[in-house]
Amino acid sequence: MKFIAEIDVMPLKALLDPQGRAVAGVLKNIGLAQLENVRVGKHITVEVDATDESHASKLVEDACKKLLANPIMESYHFVVNKAGGKDTQ
């Protein structure tokens, strides 16, 4: 079965986010000072071939732990959907 995983990787809240700080500075400079506490991360979409949704989630979890996120500096969250469907986990 095919699944689509949507993964968000973000810097840990306890750490400084220089990229977010830079974006916040530019927002202020262009008249959007109301937008504050900017955090910049990455969004990853991946197609997963797995026997079921639980297996797909396990594969995505492994990918996050081993490659996509650095647990010392980043947190991650993901949702697995059946390809073409709206089932989530």
C-alpha atoms as a PDB file:
ATOM      1  CA  MET A   1       0.000   0.000   0.000  1.00  0.00           C
ATOM      2  CA  LYS A   2       1.105   3.551  -0.635  1.00  0.00           C
ATOM      3  CA  PHE A   3       1.052   6.210   2.065  1.00  0.00           C
ATOM      4  CA  ILE A   4       2.063   9.859   2.123  1.00  0.00           C
ATOM      5  CA  ALA A   5       3.905  11.181   5.165  1.00  0.00           C
ATOM      6  CA  GLU A   6       3.962  14.887   5.964  1.00  0.00           C
ATOM      7  CA  ILE A   7       6.840  15.626   8.350  1.00  0.00           C
ATOM      8  CA  ASP A   8       7.580  18.905  10.137  1.00  0.00           C
ATOM      9  CA  VAL A   9      11.002  19.389  11.724  1.00  0.00           C
ATOM     10  CA  MET A  10      11.460  22.420  13.961  1.00  0.00           C
ATOM     11  CA  PRO A  11      14.234  23.771  16.187  1.00  0.00           C
ATOM     12  CA  LEU A  12      13.655  22.983  19.850  1.00  0.00           C
ATOM     13  CA  LYS A  13      11.870  25.848  21.610  1.00  0.00           C
ATOM     14  CA  ALA A  14      14.666  26.127  24.179  1.00  0.00           C
ATOM     15  CA  LEU A  15      17.235  26.886  21.463  1.00  0.00           C
ATOM     16  CA  LEU A  16      17.857  30.122  19.617  1.00  0.00           C
ATOM     17  CA  ASP A  17      16.642  30.140  16.023  1.00  0.00           C
ATOM     18  CA  PRO A  18      18.886  32.532  14.068  1.00  0.00           C
ATOM     19  CA  GLN A  19      16.961  32.018  10.829  1.00  0.00           C
ATOM     20  CA  GLY A  20      13.673  32.752  12.588  1.00  0.00           C
ATOM     21  CA  ARG A  21      15.201  35.814  14.203  1.00  0.00           C
ATOM     22  CA  ALA A  22      16.361  37.088  10.808  1.00  0.00           C
ATOM     23  CA  VAL A  23      12.898  36.586   9.315  1.00  0.00           C
ATOM     24  CA  ALA A  24      11.316  38.384  12.283  1.00  0.00           C
ATOM     25  CA  GLY A  25      13.672  41.323  11.704  1.00  0.00           C
ATOM     26  CA  VAL A  26      12.710  41.577   8.047  1.00  0.00           C
ATOM     27  CA  LEU A  27       9.003  41.321   8.895  1.00  0.00           C
ATOM     28  CA  LYS A  28       9.441  44.271  11.251  1.00  0.00           C
ATOM     29  CA  ASN A  29      11.290  46.229   8.544  1.00  0.00           C
ATOM     30  CA  ILE A  30       8.493  45.703   6.013  1.00  0.00           C
ATOM     31  CA  GLY A  31       5.768  46.867   8.389  1.00  0.00           C
ATOM     32  CA  LEU A  32       4.664  43.503   9.798  1.00  0.00           C
ATOM     33  CA  ALA A  33       5.928  43.893  13.360  1.00  0.00           C
ATOM     34  CA  GLN A  34       2.744  42.209  14.631  1.00  0.00           C
ATOM     35  CA  LEU A  35       4.216  38.864  13.510  1.00  0.00           C
ATOM     36  CA  GLU A  36       6.506  37.750  16.340  1.00  0.00           C
ATOM     37  CA  ASN A  37       8.385  34.729  17.680  1.00  0.00           C
ATOM     38  CA  VAL A  38       9.168  33.365  14.226  1.00  0.00           C
ATOM     39  CA  ARG A  39      10.570  29.820  14.100  1.00  0.00           C
ATOM     40  CA  VAL A  40      11.859  28.427  10.812  1.00  0.00           C
ATOM     41  CA  GLY A  41      11.935  24.698  10.196  1.00  0.00           C
ATOM     42  CA  LYS A  42      11.485  22.309   7.338  1.00  0.00           C
ATOM     43  CA  HIS A  43       8.549  20.440   5.860  1.00  0.00           C
ATOM     44  CA  ILE A  44       9.224  17.079   4.218  1.00  0.00           C
ATOM     45  CA  THR A  45       6.801  14.999   2.180  1.00  0.00           C
ATOM     46  CA  VAL A  46       7.637  11.388   1.458  1.00  0.00           C
ATOM     47  CA  GLU A  47       5.819   8.506  -0.206  1.00  0.00           C
ATOM     48  CA  VAL A  48       5.936   5.290   1.803  1.00  0.00           C
ATOM     49  CA  ASP A  49       5.366   1.767   0.507  1.00  0.00           C
ATOM     50  CA  ALA A  50       4.214  -0.285   3.513  1.00  0.00           C
ATOM     51  CA  THR A  51       1.889  -3.146   4.421  1.00  0.00           C
ATOM     52  CA  ASP A  52      -0.349  -0.924   6.592  1.00  0.00           C
ATOM     53  CA  GLU A  53      -0.502   2.485   8.249  1.00  0.00           C
ATOM     54  CA  SER A  54       1.221   1.284  11.406  1.00  0.00           C
ATOM     55  CA  HIS A  55       4.155  -0.049   9.391  1.00  0.00           C
ATOM     56  CA  ALA A  56       4.322   3.209   7.403  1.00  0.00           C
ATOM     57  CA  SER A  57       4.428   5.207  10.653  1.00  0.00           C
ATOM     58  CA  LYS A  58       7.242   3.021  11.979  1.00  0.00           C
ATOM     59  CA  LEU A  59       9.281   3.579   8.812  1.00  0.00           C
ATOM     60  CA  VAL A  60       8.745   7.349   8.977  1.00  0.00           C
ATOM     61  CA  GLU A  61       9.639   7.392  12.699  1.00  0.00           C
ATOM     62  CA  ASP A  62      12.888   5.563  11.910  1.00  0.00           C
ATOM     63  CA  ALA A  63      13.700   8.025   9.109  1.00  0.00           C
ATOM     64  CA  CYS A  64      13.109  10.976  11.429  1.00  0.00           C
ATOM     65  CA  LYS A  65      15.268   9.526  14.199  1.00  0.00           C
ATOM     66  CA  LYS A  66      18.101   8.383  11.937  1.00  0.00           C
ATOM     67  CA  LEU A  67      18.284  11.139   9.325  1.00  0.00           C
ATOM     68  CA  LEU A  68      15.647  13.829   9.032  1.00  0.00           C
ATOM     69  CA  ALA A  69      15.859  15.404  12.519  1.00  0.00           C
ATOM     70  CA  ASN A  70      18.708  16.007  14.928  1.00  0.00           C
ATOM     71  CA  PRO A  71      17.152  15.204  18.337  1.00  0.00           C
ATOM     72  CA  ILE A  72      19.711  17.375  20.129  1.00  0.00           C
ATOM     73  CA  MET A  73      18.502  20.497  18.316  1.00  0.00           C
ATOM     74  CA  GLU A  74      15.190  19.644  16.635  1.00  0.00           C
ATOM     75  CA  SER A  75      11.788  18.137  17.281  1.00  0.00           C
ATOM     76  CA  TYR A  76       9.582  16.505  14.685  1.00  0.00           C
ATOM     77  CA  HIS A  77       5.951  15.678  14.113  1.00  0.00           C
ATOM     78  CA  PHE A  78       4.453  13.695  11.282  1.00  0.00           C
ATOM     79  CA  VAL A  79       1.133  12.558   9.869  1.00  0.00           C
ATOM     80  CA  VAL A  80       0.720   9.495   7.670  1.00  0.00           C
ATOM     81  CA  ASN A  81      -2.163   9.410   5.192  1.00  0.00           C
ATOM     82  CA  LYS A  82      -3.183   6.644   2.861  1.00  0.00           C
ATOM     83  CA  ALA A  83      -2.265   7.821  -0.645  1.00  0.00           C
ATOM     84  CA  GLY A  84      -5.387   9.361  -2.120  1.00  0.00           C
ATOM     85  CA  GLY A  85      -7.234   9.226   1.229  1.00  0.00           C
ATOM     86  CA  LYS A  86      -7.751  11.239   4.390  1.00  0.00           C
ATOM     87  CA  ASP A  87      -6.859   8.626   7.059  1.00  0.00           C
ATOM     88  CA  THR A  88      -4.386  10.059   9.579  1.00  0.00           C
ATOM     89  CA  GLN A  89      -2.287   8.806  12.423  1.00  0.00           C
END
